[in-house]
Structure formats: C-alpha cells, structure tokens
N, C-alpha and C. Protein backbone atom coordinates (compact mmCIF):
# COMPACT_ATOMS: atom_id res chain seq x y z
N MET A 1 1.02 -1.23 -0.16
CA MET A 1 -0.17 -0.08 -0.27
C MET A 1 0.48 0.89 -0.78
N ASP A 2 0.75 2.30 -0.77
CA ASP A 2 1.10 3.55 -0.74
C ASP A 2 1.49 4.48 0.49
N LYS A 3 2.21 4.86 0.88
CA LYS A 3 2.27 5.45 2.77
C LYS A 3 1.45 6.69 2.43
N THR A 4 1.86 6.96 1.45
CA THR A 4 1.13 8.63 0.95
C THR A 4 -0.42 9.26 0.86
N GLU A 5 -1.19 7.35 0.86
CA GLU A 5 -2.47 7.85 0.73
C GLU A 5 -3.06 7.42 2.59
N HIS A 6 -4.38 8.02 2.38
CA HIS A 6 -4.49 7.80 3.76
C HIS A 6 -5.04 6.33 4.30
N ALA A 7 -4.31 5.92 5.26
CA ALA A 7 -4.88 4.19 5.58
C ALA A 7 -6.07 3.87 5.37
N LEU A 8 -6.36 2.72 4.73
CA LEU A 8 -7.71 2.39 5.41
C LEU A 8 -7.82 2.08 6.59
N ARG A 9 -8.91 2.43 6.60
CA ARG A 9 -9.75 2.41 7.91
C ARG A 9 -10.99 0.77 8.01
N ILE A 10 -10.44 0.23 8.85
CA ILE A 10 -10.87 -1.83 9.34
C ILE A 10 -11.64 -1.83 10.32
N VAL A 11 -12.68 -2.68 10.38
CA VAL A 11 -13.29 -3.08 11.60
C VAL A 11 -13.09 -4.72 11.07
N ILE A 12 -12.48 -5.52 12.02
CA ILE A 12 -12.51 -6.91 12.11
C ILE A 12 -13.61 -7.68 12.59
N ALA A 13 -14.58 -8.65 12.35
CA ALA A 13 -15.41 -9.70 13.01
C ALA A 13 -15.22 -10.82 12.59
N ASP A 14 -14.51 -11.38 13.95
CA ASP A 14 -14.48 -12.89 14.21
C ASP A 14 -14.56 -13.40 15.34
N ASP A 15 -15.35 -14.54 15.64
CA ASP A 15 -15.54 -15.39 16.74
C ASP A 15 -14.41 -16.18 17.49
N GLU A 16 -13.17 -16.26 16.40
CA GLU A 16 -12.03 -16.37 17.29
C GLU A 16 -11.01 -14.79 17.51
N PRO A 17 -10.47 -15.26 19.04
CA PRO A 17 -9.34 -13.88 19.00
C PRO A 17 -8.15 -14.57 18.58
N ILE A 18 -7.70 -15.75 18.38
CA ILE A 18 -6.39 -15.52 17.91
C ILE A 18 -6.11 -15.21 16.54
N ALA A 19 -7.64 -15.48 15.48
CA ALA A 19 -7.60 -15.28 14.65
C ALA A 19 -7.57 -13.61 13.92
N LYS A 20 -7.73 -13.25 15.01
CA LYS A 20 -8.58 -12.03 15.27
C LYS A 20 -7.38 -11.23 15.62
N MET A 21 -6.69 -11.56 16.49
CA MET A 21 -4.83 -11.22 16.69
C MET A 21 -4.14 -11.09 15.61
N ASP A 22 -4.15 -12.49 14.82
CA ASP A 22 -3.36 -12.12 13.76
C ASP A 22 -4.10 -11.45 12.52
N LEU A 23 -4.73 -11.38 12.87
CA LEU A 23 -5.79 -10.73 11.21
C LEU A 23 -5.05 -8.96 11.34
N ARG A 24 -5.44 -8.57 12.87
CA ARG A 24 -4.84 -7.35 13.08
C ARG A 24 -3.57 -7.03 12.88
N GLU A 25 -2.54 -8.14 13.57
CA GLU A 25 -1.34 -7.78 13.56
C GLU A 25 -0.94 -7.50 12.06
N LEU A 26 -1.74 -8.50 10.84
CA LEU A 26 -0.84 -8.30 9.61
C LEU A 26 -1.57 -7.20 8.88
N LEU A 27 -2.72 -6.33 9.18
CA LEU A 27 -3.06 -5.24 8.73
C LEU A 27 -2.15 -4.95 8.77
N GLU A 28 -2.37 -4.44 10.24
CA GLU A 28 -1.25 -2.85 10.97
C GLU A 28 0.01 -2.90 10.18
N ASP A 29 0.34 -4.03 10.09
CA ASP A 29 1.80 -4.42 9.50
C ASP A 29 1.93 -4.04 8.08
N SER A 30 0.65 -3.57 7.42
CA SER A 30 0.83 -2.83 6.14
C SER A 30 0.03 -2.18 6.17
N GLY A 31 0.16 -1.62 6.93
CA GLY A 31 -0.62 -0.22 6.98
C GLY A 31 -1.80 -0.18 7.21
N TYR A 32 -2.48 -0.40 7.33
CA TYR A 32 -3.65 -0.26 7.19
C TYR A 32 -4.36 0.24 8.97
N GLU A 33 -5.40 0.77 9.08
CA GLU A 33 -5.78 1.32 10.40
C GLU A 33 -6.89 0.15 11.01
N VAL A 34 -6.62 -0.50 12.24
CA VAL A 34 -7.49 -1.17 12.40
C VAL A 34 -8.38 -0.25 13.40
N VAL A 35 -9.53 0.21 13.50
CA VAL A 35 -10.51 0.88 14.28
C VAL A 35 -11.60 0.23 14.73
N GLY A 36 -11.43 -0.95 14.83
CA GLY A 36 -12.73 -1.69 16.17
C GLY A 36 -12.84 -2.89 15.53
N GLU A 37 -13.29 -4.44 16.25
CA GLU A 37 -13.16 -4.99 16.57
C GLU A 37 -14.17 -5.76 16.94
N ALA A 38 -14.72 -7.16 16.57
CA ALA A 38 -15.87 -7.53 17.11
C ALA A 38 -15.91 -8.92 17.38
N SER A 39 -16.61 -9.89 17.71
CA SER A 39 -16.99 -11.10 18.01
C SER A 39 -18.23 -12.13 17.54
N ASP A 40 -19.20 -11.20 17.04
CA ASP A 40 -19.83 -11.64 16.48
C ASP A 40 -20.87 -10.16 15.85
N GLY A 41 -21.66 -10.80 14.69
CA GLY A 41 -22.58 -10.07 13.99
C GLY A 41 -23.52 -8.56 14.27
N PHE A 42 -24.01 -8.52 15.73
CA PHE A 42 -24.32 -7.67 16.46
C PHE A 42 -23.06 -6.26 16.06
N ASP A 43 -22.21 -6.91 16.53
CA ASP A 43 -20.73 -6.02 18.01
C ASP A 43 -20.27 -5.39 16.09
N ALA A 44 -20.15 -6.72 15.18
CA ALA A 44 -20.01 -5.92 13.62
C ALA A 44 -20.71 -4.62 13.52
N VAL A 45 -21.82 -4.91 13.49
CA VAL A 45 -22.83 -3.81 12.84
C VAL A 45 -22.03 -2.43 13.48
N GLU A 46 -22.39 -2.85 15.13
CA GLU A 46 -22.23 -1.82 16.02
C GLU A 46 -21.30 -0.77 15.81
N GLU A 47 -20.42 -1.51 15.60
CA GLU A 47 -18.33 -1.31 14.89
C GLU A 47 -18.95 -0.34 13.91
N CYS A 48 -19.26 -0.40 12.85
CA CYS A 48 -19.44 0.50 11.82
C CYS A 48 -20.02 1.21 11.79
N ARG A 49 -21.68 1.27 12.67
CA ARG A 49 -22.20 2.43 13.16
C ARG A 49 -21.51 3.62 13.91
N LYS A 50 -20.76 2.98 14.54
CA LYS A 50 -19.31 3.84 15.64
C LYS A 50 -18.31 4.21 14.57
N ASN A 51 -17.84 3.63 13.87
CA ASN A 51 -15.99 4.12 13.52
C ASN A 51 -16.68 4.27 11.65
N LYS A 52 -17.77 4.05 10.74
CA LYS A 52 -17.64 4.08 9.52
C LYS A 52 -17.19 3.59 8.73
N PRO A 53 -15.81 2.82 9.01
CA PRO A 53 -15.33 1.92 8.43
C PRO A 53 -14.71 2.06 6.56
N ASP A 54 -13.89 2.10 6.29
CA ASP A 54 -13.68 1.66 4.31
C ASP A 54 -14.01 0.34 4.41
N LEU A 55 -13.49 -0.11 4.87
CA LEU A 55 -13.82 -1.74 4.80
C LEU A 55 -13.72 -2.56 6.23
N VAL A 56 -15.24 -3.68 6.18
CA VAL A 56 -15.31 -4.83 7.50
C VAL A 56 -14.62 -5.85 6.93
N LEU A 57 -14.12 -6.80 7.38
CA LEU A 57 -13.66 -8.07 7.27
C LEU A 57 -14.82 -8.73 7.88
N LEU A 58 -15.20 -9.83 7.70
CA LEU A 58 -16.45 -10.75 8.33
C LEU A 58 -16.23 -12.35 8.61
N ASP A 59 -16.32 -12.57 9.16
CA ASP A 59 -16.07 -14.52 9.21
C ASP A 59 -17.62 -14.28 9.13
N ILE A 60 -17.80 -15.75 8.30
CA ILE A 60 -19.25 -15.97 8.34
C ILE A 60 -19.51 -16.54 9.39
N LYS A 61 -19.28 -17.72 9.95
CA LYS A 61 -19.87 -18.11 11.66
C LYS A 61 -19.39 -17.86 12.14
N MET A 62 -20.41 -16.74 13.25
CA MET A 62 -20.46 -15.87 14.57
C MET A 62 -21.67 -16.56 14.78
N PRO A 63 -21.69 -16.13 16.76
CA PRO A 63 -22.77 -16.49 17.53
C PRO A 63 -23.58 -14.95 16.90
N PHE A 64 -25.23 -15.42 17.25
CA PHE A 64 -26.24 -13.77 17.67
C PHE A 64 -26.77 -13.70 15.99
N LEU A 65 -25.99 -13.20 15.21
CA LEU A 65 -26.42 -12.82 13.61
C LEU A 65 -24.79 -13.06 13.37
N ASP A 66 -24.97 -14.38 11.86
CA ASP A 66 -23.53 -14.73 10.99
C ASP A 66 -23.22 -13.20 10.65
N GLY A 67 -22.22 -13.80 9.60
CA GLY A 67 -21.35 -12.12 8.99
C GLY A 67 -21.86 -12.12 7.78
N LEU A 68 -22.58 -13.12 6.79
CA LEU A 68 -24.13 -13.05 5.73
C LEU A 68 -24.64 -12.05 6.44
N SER A 69 -25.43 -12.09 7.36
CA SER A 69 -26.94 -11.89 7.61
C SER A 69 -26.63 -9.87 8.02
N ALA A 70 -25.15 -9.63 8.74
CA ALA A 70 -24.30 -8.35 9.30
C ALA A 70 -24.21 -7.73 7.90
N SER A 71 -23.23 -8.28 7.10
CA SER A 71 -23.19 -7.92 5.42
C SER A 71 -24.43 -7.55 5.06
N LYS A 72 -25.24 -8.12 5.02
CA LYS A 72 -26.45 -6.93 4.51
C LYS A 72 -27.54 -5.91 5.37
N ILE A 73 -26.97 -6.10 6.24
CA ILE A 73 -27.20 -4.66 7.12
C ILE A 73 -26.11 -3.66 7.08
N ILE A 74 -24.88 -4.16 7.15
CA ILE A 74 -23.70 -3.18 6.57
C ILE A 74 -23.71 -2.52 5.32
N PHE A 75 -24.40 -3.43 4.43
CA PHE A 75 -24.21 -2.73 2.71
C PHE A 75 -25.83 -2.21 3.15
N GLN A 76 -26.70 -2.42 3.35
CA GLN A 76 -27.87 -1.34 2.87
C GLN A 76 -27.70 -0.30 4.00
N GLU A 77 -27.08 -0.18 4.81
CA GLU A 77 -27.66 0.88 5.67
C GLU A 77 -26.40 1.87 5.61
N LYS A 78 -25.73 1.05 4.68
CA LYS A 78 -23.96 2.06 3.67
C LYS A 78 -23.69 2.47 5.00
N LEU A 79 -22.62 1.33 6.20
CA LEU A 79 -22.10 1.48 6.90
C LEU A 79 -20.74 1.26 6.73
N ALA A 80 -19.99 0.82 5.66
CA ALA A 80 -18.97 0.47 5.11
C ALA A 80 -18.72 1.01 4.08
N ASP A 81 -17.77 1.38 3.26
CA ASP A 81 -17.33 0.88 1.95
C ASP A 81 -17.40 -0.66 1.16
N THR A 82 -16.43 -0.89 2.16
CA THR A 82 -16.40 -2.21 1.37
C THR A 82 -16.48 -3.10 2.46
N ILE A 83 -17.03 -4.86 1.95
CA ILE A 83 -17.16 -5.86 2.87
C ILE A 83 -17.09 -6.84 1.92
N ILE A 84 -15.87 -7.46 2.84
CA ILE A 84 -15.01 -9.12 2.65
C ILE A 84 -15.39 -9.75 3.50
N LEU A 85 -15.58 -11.00 3.46
CA LEU A 85 -15.89 -12.26 4.00
C LEU A 85 -14.25 -12.74 4.08
N LEU A 86 -14.26 -13.82 5.33
CA LEU A 86 -13.26 -14.29 5.66
C LEU A 86 -13.55 -15.65 5.86
N THR A 87 -13.55 -16.71 5.50
CA THR A 87 -14.09 -18.30 6.17
C THR A 87 -13.49 -19.28 5.84
N ALA A 88 -13.67 -19.78 6.03
CA ALA A 88 -13.04 -21.58 6.13
C ALA A 88 -14.16 -22.27 5.10
N TYR A 89 -15.60 -21.55 5.26
CA TYR A 89 -16.52 -22.16 4.43
C TYR A 89 -16.36 -21.94 2.98
N THR A 90 -16.52 -23.17 1.91
CA THR A 90 -16.16 -23.00 0.27
C THR A 90 -17.35 -23.41 -0.26
N ASP A 91 -18.87 -23.50 0.49
CA ASP A 91 -19.83 -24.06 0.10
C ASP A 91 -20.55 -23.43 -1.06
N PRO A 92 -21.37 -23.77 -2.22
CA PRO A 92 -21.60 -23.01 -3.25
C PRO A 92 -22.84 -21.85 -2.76
N GLU A 93 -24.03 -22.89 -1.63
CA GLU A 93 -24.54 -21.61 -1.08
C GLU A 93 -24.27 -20.46 -0.30
N PHE A 94 -22.91 -20.41 0.34
CA PHE A 94 -22.56 -19.22 1.01
C PHE A 94 -22.18 -18.28 0.33
N ILE A 95 -21.48 -18.73 -1.19
CA ILE A 95 -21.19 -18.25 -1.86
C ILE A 95 -22.08 -17.26 -2.73
N GLU A 96 -23.10 -18.08 -2.54
CA GLU A 96 -24.51 -17.44 -3.28
C GLU A 96 -24.82 -16.27 -2.67
N SER A 97 -25.36 -16.56 -1.53
CA SER A 97 -25.75 -15.86 -0.55
C SER A 97 -24.92 -14.30 0.12
N ALA A 98 -23.58 -14.67 -0.61
CA ALA A 98 -22.83 -13.10 -0.48
C ALA A 98 -22.69 -12.45 -1.25
N LYS A 99 -23.27 -13.07 -2.85
CA LYS A 99 -23.34 -11.76 -3.36
C LYS A 99 -24.67 -11.14 -3.31
N ASP A 100 -26.05 -11.26 -2.66
CA ASP A 100 -26.39 -11.05 -2.36
C ASP A 100 -26.68 -9.62 -0.98
N CYS A 101 -25.21 -9.66 -0.31
CA CYS A 101 -25.26 -9.20 0.81
C CYS A 101 -24.36 -7.98 0.77
N GLY A 102 -23.84 -7.71 -0.72
CA GLY A 102 -23.30 -6.17 -1.15
C GLY A 102 -22.10 -6.98 -0.58
N VAL A 103 -21.55 -7.73 -0.44
CA VAL A 103 -20.05 -8.43 -0.55
C VAL A 103 -19.22 -8.23 -1.61
N SER A 104 -18.35 -7.94 -1.42
CA SER A 104 -17.00 -7.77 -2.41
C SER A 104 -15.83 -8.23 -2.31
N GLY A 105 -15.63 -9.38 -1.34
CA GLY A 105 -14.52 -9.88 -1.58
C GLY A 105 -14.87 -11.47 -0.90
N TYR A 106 -14.61 -13.08 -1.10
CA TYR A 106 -14.98 -13.86 -0.81
C TYR A 106 -13.56 -14.76 -0.28
N LEU A 107 -13.08 -14.59 0.64
CA LEU A 107 -11.60 -15.55 1.13
C LEU A 107 -11.62 -16.14 2.08
N VAL A 108 -11.24 -17.35 1.52
CA VAL A 108 -11.15 -18.84 2.10
C VAL A 108 -9.85 -18.51 3.50
N LYS A 109 -10.25 -19.02 4.35
CA LYS A 109 -8.94 -19.62 5.27
C LYS A 109 -8.35 -20.89 5.09
N PRO A 110 -7.11 -21.22 5.16
CA PRO A 110 -6.51 -19.90 5.83
C PRO A 110 -5.66 -18.90 4.69
N TYR A 111 -6.01 -17.92 4.53
CA TYR A 111 -5.52 -16.87 4.06
C TYR A 111 -3.42 -16.46 4.24
N TYR A 112 -3.41 -15.62 3.44
CA TYR A 112 -1.91 -15.44 3.76
C TYR A 112 -1.72 -14.31 3.06
N GLU A 113 -0.53 -13.57 3.83
CA GLU A 113 -0.80 -11.77 3.12
C GLU A 113 -0.32 -11.70 1.95
N LYS A 114 0.39 -13.06 0.89
CA LYS A 114 0.56 -12.32 -0.33
C LYS A 114 -0.56 -12.35 -0.96
N SER A 115 -1.76 -13.38 -0.73
CA SER A 115 -3.43 -13.03 -1.36
C SER A 115 -4.25 -12.39 -0.63
N LEU A 116 -3.79 -11.73 0.65
CA LEU A 116 -4.77 -11.04 1.72
C LEU A 116 -4.84 -9.49 1.27
N ILE A 117 -3.66 -8.87 1.01
CA ILE A 117 -3.51 -7.48 0.61
C ILE A 117 -3.69 -7.08 -0.73
N PRO A 118 -3.61 -7.82 -1.81
CA PRO A 118 -4.10 -7.36 -3.05
C PRO A 118 -5.56 -7.57 -3.25
N SER A 119 -6.29 -8.56 -2.05
CA SER A 119 -7.83 -8.90 -2.27
C SER A 119 -8.26 -8.03 -1.61
N ILE A 120 -7.66 -7.23 -0.60
CA ILE A 120 -8.11 -6.07 0.21
C ILE A 120 -8.10 -5.08 -0.84
N GLU A 121 -6.87 -4.78 -1.68
CA GLU A 121 -6.74 -3.55 -1.91
C GLU A 121 -7.72 -3.42 -3.83
N LEU A 122 -7.55 -4.78 -4.52
CA LEU A 122 -8.61 -5.40 -5.35
C LEU A 122 -10.19 -4.65 -5.01
N ALA A 123 -10.41 -5.24 -4.30
CA ALA A 123 -12.22 -5.26 -3.37
C ALA A 123 -12.17 -4.03 -3.25
N VAL A 124 -11.30 -3.17 -2.12
CA VAL A 124 -11.95 -1.79 -2.19
C VAL A 124 -11.88 -1.25 -3.23
N SER A 125 -10.61 -1.17 -4.06
CA SER A 125 -11.16 -0.26 -5.31
C SER A 125 -12.16 -0.58 -6.31
N ARG A 126 -12.42 -1.58 -6.37
CA ARG A 126 -13.67 -2.18 -7.35
C ARG A 126 -15.18 -1.51 -6.41
N SER A 127 -15.19 -1.43 -5.25
CA SER A 127 -16.36 -0.84 -4.24
C SER A 127 -16.58 0.23 -4.73
N ARG A 128 -15.30 1.19 -4.91
CA ARG A 128 -14.84 2.61 -4.86
C ARG A 128 -15.81 3.03 -6.28
N GLU A 129 -15.42 2.64 -7.21
CA GLU A 129 -15.59 2.58 -8.04
C GLU A 129 -17.48 2.30 -8.79
N MET A 130 -18.08 1.61 -8.32
CA MET A 130 -19.42 0.71 -7.53
C MET A 130 -19.49 2.00 -6.58
N LYS A 131 -19.29 2.36 -6.37
CA LYS A 131 -20.12 3.34 -5.30
C LYS A 131 -20.35 5.18 -6.37
N LYS A 132 -19.37 5.23 -7.07
CA LYS A 132 -18.98 6.32 -7.91
C LYS A 132 -20.54 6.32 -8.76
N ILE A 133 -20.04 4.91 -9.58
CA ILE A 133 -21.79 4.65 -10.28
C ILE A 133 -23.09 4.97 -9.74
N ARG A 134 -22.94 4.07 -8.43
CA ARG A 134 -24.56 4.44 -7.34
C ARG A 134 -24.39 6.08 -7.26
N ALA A 135 -23.83 7.17 -6.91
CA ALA A 135 -23.84 7.64 -6.78
C ALA A 135 -24.29 9.15 -8.18
N GLU A 136 -23.75 8.44 -8.81
CA GLU A 136 -24.01 8.96 -10.40
C GLU A 136 -25.93 8.29 -11.01
N VAL A 137 -26.27 7.06 -10.60
CA VAL A 137 -27.33 6.79 -11.33
C VAL A 137 -28.45 7.45 -10.30
N GLU A 138 -27.88 7.84 -8.80
CA GLU A 138 -28.60 8.55 -7.70
C GLU A 138 -29.24 10.04 -8.29
N ARG A 139 -28.18 10.40 -8.48
CA ARG A 139 -28.32 11.93 -9.37
C ARG A 139 -29.22 12.38 -10.52
N ALA A 140 -28.27 10.95 -11.13
CA ALA A 140 -29.68 10.93 -12.37
C ALA A 140 -30.95 10.96 -12.56
N GLN A 141 -31.76 10.25 -11.73
CA GLN A 141 -32.82 9.80 -10.76
C GLN A 141 -33.48 10.83 -10.46
N GLU A 142 -32.46 11.62 -9.07
CA GLU A 142 -33.08 12.76 -8.63
C GLU A 142 -33.24 13.71 -10.04
N ARG A 143 -32.26 14.21 -10.64
CA ARG A 143 -33.00 14.94 -11.64
C ARG A 143 -33.93 14.89 -12.63
N LEU A 144 -33.70 13.27 -13.01
CA LEU A 144 -35.58 12.71 -13.87
C LEU A 144 -36.64 13.27 -12.92
N GLU A 145 -36.45 13.00 -11.93
CA GLU A 145 -37.41 13.51 -10.55
C GLU A 145 -38.10 14.98 -10.62
N SER A 146 -37.00 15.32 -10.13
CA SER A 146 -37.45 16.81 -10.47
C SER A 146 -37.91 17.14 -11.43
N ARG A 147 -37.22 17.06 -12.66
CA ARG A 147 -37.68 17.45 -13.98
C ARG A 147 -39.64 17.45 -14.54
N VAL A 148 -39.68 15.94 -13.98
CA VAL A 148 -40.99 15.57 -13.89
C VAL A 148 -41.91 16.33 -12.69
N ILE A 149 -41.59 16.88 -11.51
CA ILE A 149 -42.75 17.62 -10.95
C ILE A 149 -42.73 18.98 -11.04
N ILE A 150 -41.09 19.05 -11.73
CA ILE A 150 -41.53 20.77 -12.10
C ILE A 150 -42.33 20.92 -13.56
N GLU A 151 -42.64 19.93 -14.49
CA GLU A 151 -43.16 19.94 -15.77
C GLU A 151 -44.42 19.78 -15.34
N LYS A 152 -44.69 18.72 -13.97
CA LYS A 152 -45.93 19.08 -13.60
C LYS A 152 -46.78 20.47 -13.34
N ALA A 153 -45.94 20.75 -12.07
CA ALA A 153 -46.36 21.96 -11.65
C ALA A 153 -46.32 22.87 -12.81
N LYS A 154 -45.54 23.21 -13.90
CA LYS A 154 -45.84 24.09 -15.25
C LYS A 154 -46.98 24.55 -15.72
N GLY A 155 -47.54 22.41 -15.90
CA GLY A 155 -48.40 22.60 -16.59
C GLY A 155 -49.73 22.94 -15.80
N LEU A 156 -49.84 22.71 -14.40
CA LEU A 156 -51.01 22.87 -13.69
C LEU A 156 -50.95 24.67 -13.99
N ILE A 157 -49.69 25.59 -13.84
CA ILE A 157 -50.14 26.81 -13.96
C ILE A 157 -50.12 27.30 -15.45
N MET A 158 -50.14 26.82 -16.15
CA MET A 158 -50.63 26.78 -17.29
C MET A 158 -52.31 27.13 -18.21
N LEU A 159 -52.60 25.63 -17.43
CA LEU A 159 -53.45 25.07 -16.59
C LEU A 159 -54.87 26.85 -16.45
N ARG A 160 -54.08 26.62 -15.18
CA ARG A 160 -54.87 27.65 -14.24
C ARG A 160 -54.59 28.87 -14.57
N ASP A 161 -53.57 29.57 -14.99
CA ASP A 161 -53.66 31.15 -14.59
C ASP A 161 -53.63 31.55 -16.18
N GLN A 162 -53.52 30.87 -16.93
CA GLN A 162 -53.68 30.90 -18.39
C GLN A 162 -52.28 30.99 -18.66
N LYS A 163 -50.94 31.00 -18.79
CA LYS A 163 -49.47 31.21 -19.16
C LYS A 163 -49.40 30.00 -19.99
N ASN A 164 -48.50 30.56 -21.06
CA ASN A 164 -47.20 29.71 -22.33
C ASN A 164 -46.97 29.34 -21.06
N GLU A 165 -45.99 28.65 -21.90
CA GLU A 165 -45.06 27.13 -21.26
C GLU A 165 -44.00 27.84 -20.76
N GLU A 166 -42.98 28.54 -21.37
CA GLU A 166 -42.63 29.78 -21.18
C GLU A 166 -42.52 30.44 -19.99
N GLU A 167 -43.55 31.33 -19.77
CA GLU A 167 -44.63 32.28 -19.02
C GLU A 167 -44.53 31.14 -17.25
N ALA A 168 -45.13 30.16 -17.60
CA ALA A 168 -44.90 29.07 -16.62
C ALA A 168 -43.38 28.57 -15.93
N TYR A 169 -43.12 28.35 -16.54
CA TYR A 169 -41.31 27.78 -16.15
C TYR A 169 -40.98 29.24 -16.18
N SER A 170 -40.85 30.47 -16.42
CA SER A 170 -40.32 31.70 -15.37
C SER A 170 -41.05 31.63 -14.39
N TYR A 171 -42.08 31.40 -13.94
CA TYR A 171 -43.14 31.79 -12.43
C TYR A 171 -42.04 31.25 -11.49
N ILE A 172 -41.82 29.86 -11.92
CA ILE A 172 -41.32 28.83 -10.99
C ILE A 172 -40.10 29.06 -10.88
N ARG A 173 -39.10 29.78 -11.99
CA ARG A 173 -37.58 29.85 -11.66
C ARG A 173 -37.86 31.08 -11.15
N GLN A 174 -38.62 32.29 -10.86
CA GLN A 174 -39.12 33.90 -10.38
C GLN A 174 -39.16 33.78 -8.46
N ILE A 175 -40.27 32.30 -8.17
CA ILE A 175 -40.39 32.42 -7.02
C ILE A 175 -38.87 31.59 -6.31
N SER A 176 -38.49 30.85 -7.47
CA SER A 176 -37.43 30.30 -6.74
C SER A 176 -36.10 30.89 -6.26
N GLN A 177 -35.95 31.75 -7.18
CA GLN A 177 -35.36 33.20 -6.55
C GLN A 177 -35.11 34.15 -5.73
N GLN A 178 -36.20 33.86 -5.59
CA GLN A 178 -36.94 34.89 -4.70
C GLN A 178 -36.91 34.68 -3.44
N LYS A 179 -37.37 33.33 -3.42
CA LYS A 179 -37.59 32.71 -1.88
C LYS A 179 -36.38 31.46 -1.71
N HIS A 180 -35.29 31.70 -2.25
CA HIS A 180 -33.97 30.67 -2.08
C HIS A 180 -34.58 29.36 -2.30
N LEU A 181 -35.18 29.03 -3.10
CA LEU A 181 -35.47 27.10 -3.32
C LEU A 181 -35.65 26.87 -4.42
N SER A 182 -35.17 25.95 -4.01
CA SER A 182 -35.24 24.84 -5.36
C SER A 182 -36.12 24.40 -6.72
N MET A 183 -36.04 25.26 -7.70
CA MET A 183 -37.43 24.81 -8.51
C MET A 183 -38.06 23.65 -8.53
N ARG A 184 -37.33 22.22 -7.67
CA ARG A 184 -38.15 21.29 -7.56
C ARG A 184 -39.56 21.49 -6.16
N ARG A 185 -38.26 22.43 -5.12
CA ARG A 185 -38.82 22.58 -3.89
C ARG A 185 -40.63 23.56 -4.26
N VAL A 186 -40.53 24.25 -5.32
CA VAL A 186 -41.24 25.31 -5.53
C VAL A 186 -42.23 25.12 -6.37
N SER A 187 -41.81 23.68 -6.76
CA SER A 187 -43.12 23.03 -7.82
C SER A 187 -43.83 22.23 -6.78
N GLU A 188 -43.27 21.60 -5.80
CA GLU A 188 -43.85 20.61 -5.48
C GLU A 188 -44.89 21.44 -3.89
N MET A 189 -44.43 22.77 -3.67
CA MET A 189 -45.06 23.52 -3.10
C MET A 189 -46.60 23.68 -4.17
N ILE A 190 -46.52 24.18 -4.96
CA ILE A 190 -47.69 24.36 -5.91
C ILE A 190 -48.30 23.38 -6.46
N LEU A 191 -47.60 21.80 -6.11
CA LEU A 191 -48.34 20.74 -6.95
C LEU A 191 -49.30 20.66 -5.11
N VAL A 192 -48.94 20.86 -4.27
CA VAL A 192 -49.86 20.67 -2.46
C VAL A 192 -50.70 21.64 -3.06
N ARG A 193 -50.47 22.57 -3.19
CA ARG A 193 -51.60 23.70 -2.67
C ARG A 193 -52.93 24.03 -3.64
N SER A 194 -52.19 22.69 -4.72
CA SER A 194 -53.45 22.87 -6.34
C SER A 194 -54.54 21.74 -5.31
N ILE A 195 -54.10 20.53 -4.77
CA ILE A 195 -55.21 19.42 -4.33
C ILE A 195 -56.57 20.31 -3.57
C-alpha cells in the first residue's frame, strides 16, 4: 500500500480471538488502521455504525448474527464502503448468499498476506468504483424526478393561470430565486396547494 495515501480504516469481526489478533497484526503491519473489532455480527454492525470504516472483514460463522446477515445490514445502511468475508466455508450456497449481501470479496481461510493484501486492495478499488456509479445513478434519478415535478407544476400553472409554457417556467424560476428554494421545492409546493 502506498504510504502517502490515507490508511484504510478497517473493522474486523471474528469469534476466534487468535484469528482476530493475527489478522489485526497482519493488517497493521501492512499499513492499515484497525478501528474496531467484534466477536459477533451484532457487534460488527455496531462497530461499523460507530466508526464508518472503509472496509469490514467478517467471518461468516459467528454467534448471534452471522457474517452474511451482518453484511446485508452493513451494506443496506451504508455503514462501510467495502465488505469482505473471511471464512473456512467454500459451499456454493454461502457464495451465492454473499452475492446478495453487498459483499465485495470472499476469501477462504487460511489466508496469507501475499493473497490477502492484493485481494483487499482490489475489492476496495472495485467498491469505490461501484459507489461512484451508484451516486451518479442516484443523481440522474433525482434530476429526472425533479424534471417531472417541475413539468407537472408548469402544466398546472399553464392551465390555472392561462400562461404559455415559457411564462409558467419563468414564474416557477422567479419564485425559486425570490424564496431561495430549488425549483423542485417550489414546484412541490405549487402541486400541494392545488390539491
């Protein structure tokens, strides 16, 4: 890892204390920052809520809440950018389940530094790319929704006030500027008022 970059902040979740200690040591020796540890899935979720790590490494089989269930919560609540499962299980059903839980990597124990570190770097890089794509999609959806709401309000003004399309649009824009509100917000208020 390039030392000039900010160190990845990591949460480790494993119910085996020795495995957790070894992993922490390996990660810290590689320049990463371990910001939290957990022994079960519930604590892993809470550590992620508290620390907002770049990466969470989870064992699948843990008491109370397994790693797959914890992964799903962490992914849905956006508590960590990247999730990697570390497990001794290679059963196809675990791998299939992992795909549905927002997991970016699946490493089989015993893992070695030579394979762990490149896998972490690759998974984090891919997760960051996906996060950017998701953000772009959300922005595009928001723009489209805003456009639909503004068009509805514009149509209502045209009908109600006998204005042409340009006048209706100018009316919404004028209120937006005067009230320091987005055109979408002004349009929403116009539409609510008409109900």
